[in-house]
Amino acid sequence: MGRALTFKQKEVINIVDGKRLGYVQDVEANFETGEITAIVVQGNGKLFSINSKNDVVIPWEKIKRIGEDIILVEFNDIRQ
């Protein structure tokens, strides 16, 4: 696992359909363990609204690969 700051501004791509989901805007963490539990991608209006800002919360277990500039996720829960 990496530091939260290293995830900021990485592009997130869904390997299910090859779509670009956006860029990591934030992370969610368990403050008791210090582990990252999810990444938050800023929504663009085309994605299923997870919260009032259209952000998409992707659980940590959906992340398949983390590269230098890109994060690959396998996320079937997005509705268009």
N, C-alpha and C. Protein backbone atom coordinates (compact mmCIF):
# COMPACT_ATOMS: atom_id res chain seq x y z
N MET A 1 0.85 -1.16 0.00
CA MET A 1 0.00 0.00 0.00
C MET A 1 0.90 1.23 0.00
N GLY A 2 0.41 2.30 -0.59
CA GLY A 2 1.20 3.51 -0.65
C GLY A 2 0.67 4.59 0.27
N ARG A 3 1.32 5.71 0.23
CA ARG A 3 0.86 6.85 1.01
C ARG A 3 -0.28 7.51 0.27
N ALA A 4 -1.18 8.11 1.00
CA ALA A 4 -2.37 8.73 0.41
C ALA A 4 -2.00 9.79 -0.61
N LEU A 5 -0.97 10.55 -0.35
CA LEU A 5 -0.59 11.62 -1.27
C LEU A 5 -0.12 11.09 -2.61
N THR A 6 0.39 9.88 -2.67
CA THR A 6 0.87 9.34 -3.94
C THR A 6 -0.28 8.95 -4.86
N PHE A 7 -1.50 8.86 -4.35
CA PHE A 7 -2.65 8.51 -5.18
C PHE A 7 -3.30 9.73 -5.82
N LYS A 8 -3.10 10.89 -5.23
CA LYS A 8 -3.75 12.09 -5.73
C LYS A 8 -3.36 12.37 -7.17
N GLN A 9 -4.36 12.67 -7.96
CA GLN A 9 -4.22 13.04 -9.37
C GLN A 9 -3.80 11.91 -10.29
N LYS A 10 -3.84 10.66 -9.83
CA LYS A 10 -3.61 9.54 -10.75
C LYS A 10 -4.92 9.28 -11.48
N GLU A 11 -4.80 8.95 -12.76
CA GLU A 11 -5.99 8.64 -13.55
C GLU A 11 -6.45 7.22 -13.21
N VAL A 12 -7.77 7.03 -13.13
CA VAL A 12 -8.36 5.73 -12.80
C VAL A 12 -9.07 5.20 -14.04
N ILE A 13 -8.72 3.98 -14.43
CA ILE A 13 -9.32 3.33 -15.60
C ILE A 13 -9.96 2.03 -15.16
N ASN A 14 -11.19 1.80 -15.62
CA ASN A 14 -11.93 0.60 -15.30
C ASN A 14 -11.59 -0.48 -16.32
N ILE A 15 -11.02 -1.60 -15.88
CA ILE A 15 -10.64 -2.66 -16.82
C ILE A 15 -11.84 -3.46 -17.31
N VAL A 16 -13.00 -3.27 -16.69
CA VAL A 16 -14.21 -3.97 -17.13
C VAL A 16 -14.62 -3.50 -18.52
N ASP A 17 -14.59 -2.19 -18.74
CA ASP A 17 -15.02 -1.64 -20.03
C ASP A 17 -14.00 -0.70 -20.67
N GLY A 18 -12.85 -0.51 -20.04
CA GLY A 18 -11.80 0.33 -20.60
C GLY A 18 -12.03 1.82 -20.47
N LYS A 19 -13.06 2.22 -19.73
CA LYS A 19 -13.39 3.64 -19.61
C LYS A 19 -12.54 4.34 -18.58
N ARG A 20 -12.24 5.58 -18.88
CA ARG A 20 -11.54 6.45 -17.94
C ARG A 20 -12.58 6.99 -16.97
N LEU A 21 -12.36 6.75 -15.70
CA LEU A 21 -13.32 7.19 -14.69
C LEU A 21 -13.03 8.59 -14.17
N GLY A 22 -11.80 9.02 -14.31
CA GLY A 22 -11.42 10.34 -13.80
C GLY A 22 -10.13 10.23 -13.01
N TYR A 23 -9.92 11.20 -12.15
CA TYR A 23 -8.69 11.27 -11.37
C TYR A 23 -9.00 11.14 -9.88
N VAL A 24 -8.10 10.54 -9.15
CA VAL A 24 -8.25 10.40 -7.70
C VAL A 24 -8.25 11.79 -7.08
N GLN A 25 -9.29 12.09 -6.33
CA GLN A 25 -9.41 13.37 -5.65
C GLN A 25 -9.17 13.25 -4.15
N ASP A 26 -9.43 12.04 -3.64
CA ASP A 26 -9.31 11.84 -2.19
C ASP A 26 -9.20 10.35 -1.92
N VAL A 27 -8.89 10.01 -0.69
CA VAL A 27 -8.89 8.62 -0.25
C VAL A 27 -9.67 8.54 1.05
N GLU A 28 -10.22 7.36 1.31
CA GLU A 28 -10.87 7.10 2.59
C GLU A 28 -9.96 6.14 3.36
N ALA A 29 -9.87 6.34 4.66
CA ALA A 29 -8.97 5.51 5.45
C ALA A 29 -9.62 5.12 6.76
N ASN A 30 -9.16 4.01 7.30
CA ASN A 30 -9.53 3.56 8.63
C ASN A 30 -8.52 4.19 9.58
N PHE A 31 -8.96 5.12 10.40
CA PHE A 31 -8.04 5.85 11.25
C PHE A 31 -7.48 5.00 12.39
N GLU A 32 -8.15 3.91 12.71
CA GLU A 32 -7.63 3.02 13.76
C GLU A 32 -6.44 2.20 13.26
N THR A 33 -6.53 1.73 11.99
CA THR A 33 -5.46 0.90 11.44
C THR A 33 -4.49 1.67 10.55
N GLY A 34 -4.93 2.83 10.07
CA GLY A 34 -4.11 3.62 9.16
C GLY A 34 -4.15 3.12 7.72
N GLU A 35 -5.02 2.16 7.42
CA GLU A 35 -5.11 1.59 6.08
C GLU A 35 -6.08 2.37 5.21
N ILE A 36 -5.72 2.49 3.94
CA ILE A 36 -6.62 3.11 2.97
C ILE A 36 -7.71 2.10 2.65
N THR A 37 -8.98 2.54 2.70
CA THR A 37 -10.10 1.64 2.45
C THR A 37 -10.76 1.87 1.10
N ALA A 38 -10.55 3.05 0.51
CA ALA A 38 -11.18 3.37 -0.78
C ALA A 38 -10.50 4.58 -1.39
N ILE A 39 -10.65 4.70 -2.72
CA ILE A 39 -10.24 5.93 -3.40
C ILE A 39 -11.49 6.63 -3.88
N VAL A 40 -11.43 7.94 -3.98
CA VAL A 40 -12.57 8.73 -4.42
C VAL A 40 -12.19 9.40 -5.73
N VAL A 41 -13.01 9.15 -6.75
CA VAL A 41 -12.80 9.74 -8.07
C VAL A 41 -13.88 10.78 -8.29
N GLN A 42 -13.47 11.95 -8.72
CA GLN A 42 -14.44 13.02 -8.96
C GLN A 42 -15.35 12.63 -10.11
N GLY A 43 -16.65 12.69 -9.87
CA GLY A 43 -17.63 12.36 -10.90
C GLY A 43 -17.73 13.45 -11.94
N ASN A 44 -18.19 13.07 -13.12
CA ASN A 44 -18.32 14.05 -14.19
C ASN A 44 -19.74 14.20 -14.70
N GLY A 45 -20.71 13.67 -13.95
CA GLY A 45 -22.10 13.79 -14.36
C GLY A 45 -22.59 12.61 -15.18
N LYS A 46 -21.69 11.84 -15.80
CA LYS A 46 -22.08 10.69 -16.59
C LYS A 46 -22.13 9.42 -15.74
N LEU A 47 -21.50 9.48 -14.57
CA LEU A 47 -21.42 8.31 -13.72
C LEU A 47 -22.55 8.29 -12.71
N PHE A 48 -22.85 7.11 -12.21
CA PHE A 48 -23.85 6.96 -11.16
C PHE A 48 -23.47 7.80 -9.96
N SER A 49 -24.39 8.55 -9.47
CA SER A 49 -24.12 9.45 -8.36
C SER A 49 -24.02 8.69 -7.05
N ILE A 50 -22.84 8.66 -6.47
CA ILE A 50 -22.63 8.00 -5.19
C ILE A 50 -22.96 8.96 -4.05
N ASN A 51 -22.64 10.23 -4.22
CA ASN A 51 -22.99 11.22 -3.22
C ASN A 51 -23.40 12.51 -3.91
N SER A 52 -23.59 13.55 -3.17
CA SER A 52 -24.14 14.78 -3.72
C SER A 52 -23.23 15.44 -4.74
N LYS A 53 -21.93 15.11 -4.75
CA LYS A 53 -21.00 15.71 -5.70
C LYS A 53 -20.76 14.82 -6.92
N ASN A 54 -21.49 13.74 -7.07
CA ASN A 54 -21.29 12.77 -8.14
C ASN A 54 -19.96 12.06 -8.06
N ASP A 55 -19.32 12.09 -6.92
CA ASP A 55 -18.06 11.38 -6.75
C ASP A 55 -18.31 9.87 -6.73
N VAL A 56 -17.33 9.12 -7.18
CA VAL A 56 -17.41 7.66 -7.18
C VAL A 56 -16.42 7.14 -6.16
N VAL A 57 -16.92 6.37 -5.20
CA VAL A 57 -16.07 5.77 -4.17
C VAL A 57 -15.78 4.33 -4.60
N ILE A 58 -14.49 4.04 -4.78
CA ILE A 58 -14.08 2.71 -5.24
C ILE A 58 -13.36 2.01 -4.08
N PRO A 59 -13.95 0.91 -3.59
CA PRO A 59 -13.33 0.18 -2.47
C PRO A 59 -11.93 -0.32 -2.83
N TRP A 60 -11.07 -0.39 -1.84
CA TRP A 60 -9.68 -0.81 -2.03
C TRP A 60 -9.58 -2.16 -2.74
N GLU A 61 -10.45 -3.10 -2.41
CA GLU A 61 -10.37 -4.43 -3.00
C GLU A 61 -10.68 -4.45 -4.49
N LYS A 62 -11.23 -3.37 -5.04
CA LYS A 62 -11.51 -3.27 -6.48
C LYS A 62 -10.30 -2.78 -7.27
N ILE A 63 -9.26 -2.32 -6.58
CA ILE A 63 -8.05 -1.85 -7.24
C ILE A 63 -7.22 -3.06 -7.64
N LYS A 64 -6.86 -3.14 -8.93
CA LYS A 64 -6.11 -4.29 -9.44
C LYS A 64 -4.63 -3.98 -9.63
N ARG A 65 -4.29 -2.79 -10.09
CA ARG A 65 -2.90 -2.40 -10.30
C ARG A 65 -2.75 -0.90 -10.07
N ILE A 66 -1.61 -0.54 -9.50
CA ILE A 66 -1.30 0.87 -9.29
C ILE A 66 0.02 1.13 -10.00
N GLY A 67 -0.05 1.99 -11.02
CA GLY A 67 1.14 2.34 -11.78
C GLY A 67 1.62 3.73 -11.39
N GLU A 68 2.60 4.19 -12.12
CA GLU A 68 3.18 5.51 -11.84
C GLU A 68 2.17 6.64 -12.06
N ASP A 69 1.34 6.50 -13.11
CA ASP A 69 0.38 7.55 -13.45
C ASP A 69 -1.07 7.08 -13.46
N ILE A 70 -1.29 5.77 -13.42
CA ILE A 70 -2.62 5.21 -13.63
C ILE A 70 -2.93 4.16 -12.56
N ILE A 71 -4.20 4.12 -12.19
CA ILE A 71 -4.71 3.07 -11.30
C ILE A 71 -5.75 2.29 -12.09
N LEU A 72 -5.58 0.97 -12.18
CA LEU A 72 -6.54 0.10 -12.86
C LEU A 72 -7.46 -0.51 -11.82
N VAL A 73 -8.77 -0.40 -12.07
CA VAL A 73 -9.76 -0.96 -11.15
C VAL A 73 -10.69 -1.88 -11.92
N GLU A 74 -11.27 -2.81 -11.21
CA GLU A 74 -12.30 -3.69 -11.76
C GLU A 74 -13.57 -3.37 -11.00
N PHE A 75 -14.40 -2.51 -11.60
CA PHE A 75 -15.52 -1.93 -10.88
C PHE A 75 -16.78 -2.05 -11.73
N ASN A 76 -17.66 -2.96 -11.35
CA ASN A 76 -18.90 -3.20 -12.09
C ASN A 76 -20.07 -2.37 -11.58
N ASP A 77 -19.88 -1.63 -10.50
CA ASP A 77 -21.00 -0.97 -9.83
C ASP A 77 -21.35 0.39 -10.41
N ILE A 78 -20.75 0.80 -11.52
CA ILE A 78 -21.04 2.12 -12.09
C ILE A 78 -22.16 1.97 -13.10
N ARG A 79 -23.18 2.79 -12.95
CA ARG A 79 -24.31 2.81 -13.88
C ARG A 79 -24.21 4.06 -14.73
N GLN A 80 -24.54 3.93 -16.01
CA GLN A 80 -24.44 5.09 -16.90
C GLN A 80 -25.80 5.48 -17.42
